[in-house]
Amino acid sequence: MFLKNRESGDLVHVEELLELVDPHETSVTVRYQAGEEMGDPVREEKARLVFPSGEELPRCWMDPHYRVSFD
């Protein structure tokens, strides 16, 4: 799955989708896209990633307590 770095706008390919959708994981292994070549795998914080459209990642992928209300 491709996502985008929020600050730089660079596209990244997420190596493990299970890391991405696990709300207990704060970072994922990605490869930055550099033309036709993929970069080396690096860890990137999920908070720095968005969908290519600019839309935020779903809260259920980021917050393990997304269903809990502390009202």
C-alpha atoms as a PDB file:
ATOM      1  CA  MET A   1       0.000   0.000   0.000  1.00  0.00           C
ATOM      2  CA  PHE A   2       1.274   3.462  -0.831  1.00  0.00           C
ATOM      3  CA  LEU A   3       1.070   6.324   1.639  1.00  0.00           C
ATOM      4  CA  LYS A   4       2.612   9.783   1.690  1.00  0.00           C
ATOM      5  CA  ASN A   5       4.967  11.474   4.153  1.00  0.00           C
ATOM      6  CA  ARG A   6       3.016  14.393   5.623  1.00  0.00           C
ATOM      7  CA  GLU A   7       5.964  16.829   5.682  1.00  0.00           C
ATOM      8  CA  SER A   8       7.864  16.031   2.498  1.00  0.00           C
ATOM      9  CA  GLY A   9       5.037  14.710   0.302  1.00  0.00           C
ATOM     10  CA  ASP A  10       7.210  11.739  -0.727  1.00  0.00           C
ATOM     11  CA  LEU A  11       5.439   8.464  -1.503  1.00  0.00           C
ATOM     12  CA  VAL A  12       6.244   5.466   0.666  1.00  0.00           C
ATOM     13  CA  HIS A  13       5.390   1.811   0.202  1.00  0.00           C
ATOM     14  CA  VAL A  14       4.269   0.079   3.409  1.00  0.00           C
ATOM     15  CA  GLU A  15       6.001  -3.296   3.648  1.00  0.00           C
ATOM     16  CA  GLU A  16       3.740  -4.948   6.258  1.00  0.00           C
ATOM     17  CA  LEU A  17       0.055  -4.062   6.195  1.00  0.00           C
ATOM     18  CA  LEU A  18      -0.504  -5.782   9.541  1.00  0.00           C
ATOM     19  CA  GLU A  19       1.856  -3.253  11.167  1.00  0.00           C
ATOM     20  CA  LEU A  20      -0.128  -0.442   9.607  1.00  0.00           C
ATOM     21  CA  VAL A  21      -3.539  -1.563  10.841  1.00  0.00           C
ATOM     22  CA  ASP A  22      -2.327  -2.627  14.319  1.00  0.00           C
ATOM     23  CA  PRO A  23      -3.215   0.260  16.665  1.00  0.00           C
ATOM     24  CA  HIS A  24      -0.526  -0.865  19.149  1.00  0.00           C
ATOM     25  CA  GLU A  25       2.240  -0.254  16.586  1.00  0.00           C
ATOM     26  CA  THR A  26       3.384   3.379  16.469  1.00  0.00           C
ATOM     27  CA  SER A  27       5.683   2.915  13.470  1.00  0.00           C
ATOM     28  CA  VAL A  28       5.775   0.865  10.284  1.00  0.00           C
ATOM     29  CA  THR A  29       8.441  -0.399   7.901  1.00  0.00           C
ATOM     30  CA  VAL A  30       8.337   1.538   4.630  1.00  0.00           C
ATOM     31  CA  ARG A  31      10.406   2.033   1.501  1.00  0.00           C
ATOM     32  CA  TYR A  32      10.585   5.543   0.047  1.00  0.00           C
ATOM     33  CA  GLN A  33      10.008   5.804  -3.696  1.00  0.00           C
ATOM     34  CA  ALA A  34      12.847   7.400  -5.657  1.00  0.00           C
ATOM     35  CA  GLY A  35      11.914   7.334  -9.313  1.00  0.00           C
ATOM     36  CA  GLU A  36      11.839   3.742 -10.511  1.00  0.00           C
ATOM     37  CA  GLU A  37      13.859   2.441  -7.558  1.00  0.00           C
ATOM     38  CA  MET A  38      12.608   1.670  -4.077  1.00  0.00           C
ATOM     39  CA  GLY A  39      14.738   2.849  -1.177  1.00  0.00           C
ATOM     40  CA  ASP A  40      15.998   0.709   1.652  1.00  0.00           C
ATOM     41  CA  PRO A  41      13.480  -0.291   4.341  1.00  0.00           C
ATOM     42  CA  VAL A  42      13.201   2.235   7.181  1.00  0.00           C
ATOM     43  CA  ARG A  43      10.908   2.637  10.196  1.00  0.00           C
ATOM     44  CA  GLU A  44       8.529   5.601   9.970  1.00  0.00           C
ATOM     45  CA  GLU A  45       6.115   6.904  12.600  1.00  0.00           C
ATOM     46  CA  LYS A  46       2.478   6.392  11.590  1.00  0.00           C
ATOM     47  CA  ALA A  47       1.678   9.940  12.722  1.00  0.00           C
ATOM     48  CA  ARG A  48       3.890  11.238   9.879  1.00  0.00           C
ATOM     49  CA  LEU A  49       1.954   9.329   7.205  1.00  0.00           C
ATOM     50  CA  VAL A  50      -1.265  10.130   5.340  1.00  0.00           C
ATOM     51  CA  PHE A  51      -3.027   8.671   2.319  1.00  0.00           C
ATOM     52  CA  PRO A  52      -1.807  10.015  -1.061  1.00  0.00           C
ATOM     53  CA  SER A  53      -4.972  12.140  -1.203  1.00  0.00           C
ATOM     54  CA  GLY A  54      -3.914  13.878   2.029  1.00  0.00           C
ATOM     55  CA  GLU A  55      -6.588  12.144   4.092  1.00  0.00           C
ATOM     56  CA  GLU A  56      -5.582  11.094   7.615  1.00  0.00           C
ATOM     57  CA  LEU A  57      -5.152   7.430   8.551  1.00  0.00           C
ATOM     58  CA  PRO A  58      -8.182   5.949  10.340  1.00  0.00           C
ATOM     59  CA  ARG A  59      -8.194   6.448  14.100  1.00  0.00           C
ATOM     60  CA  CYS A  60      -8.642   2.684  14.630  1.00  0.00           C
ATOM     61  CA  TRP A  61      -5.188   2.167  13.050  1.00  0.00           C
ATOM     62  CA  MET A  62      -3.562   4.704  15.402  1.00  0.00           C
ATOM     63  CA  ASP A  63      -5.305   4.544  18.783  1.00  0.00           C
ATOM     64  CA  PRO A  64      -5.767   1.234  20.633  1.00  0.00           C
ATOM     65  CA  HIS A  65      -8.471   2.913  22.772  1.00  0.00           C
ATOM     66  CA  TYR A  66     -10.490   4.351  19.894  1.00  0.00           C
ATOM     67  CA  ARG A  67     -13.721   2.789  21.190  1.00  0.00           C
ATOM     68  CA  VAL A  68     -13.267   3.950  24.799  1.00  0.00           C
ATOM     69  CA  SER A  69     -15.007   7.139  25.874  1.00  0.00           C
ATOM     70  CA  PHE A  70     -13.520   8.922  28.899  1.00  0.00           C
ATOM     71  CA  ASP A  71     -16.416  11.355  29.388  1.00  0.00           C
END
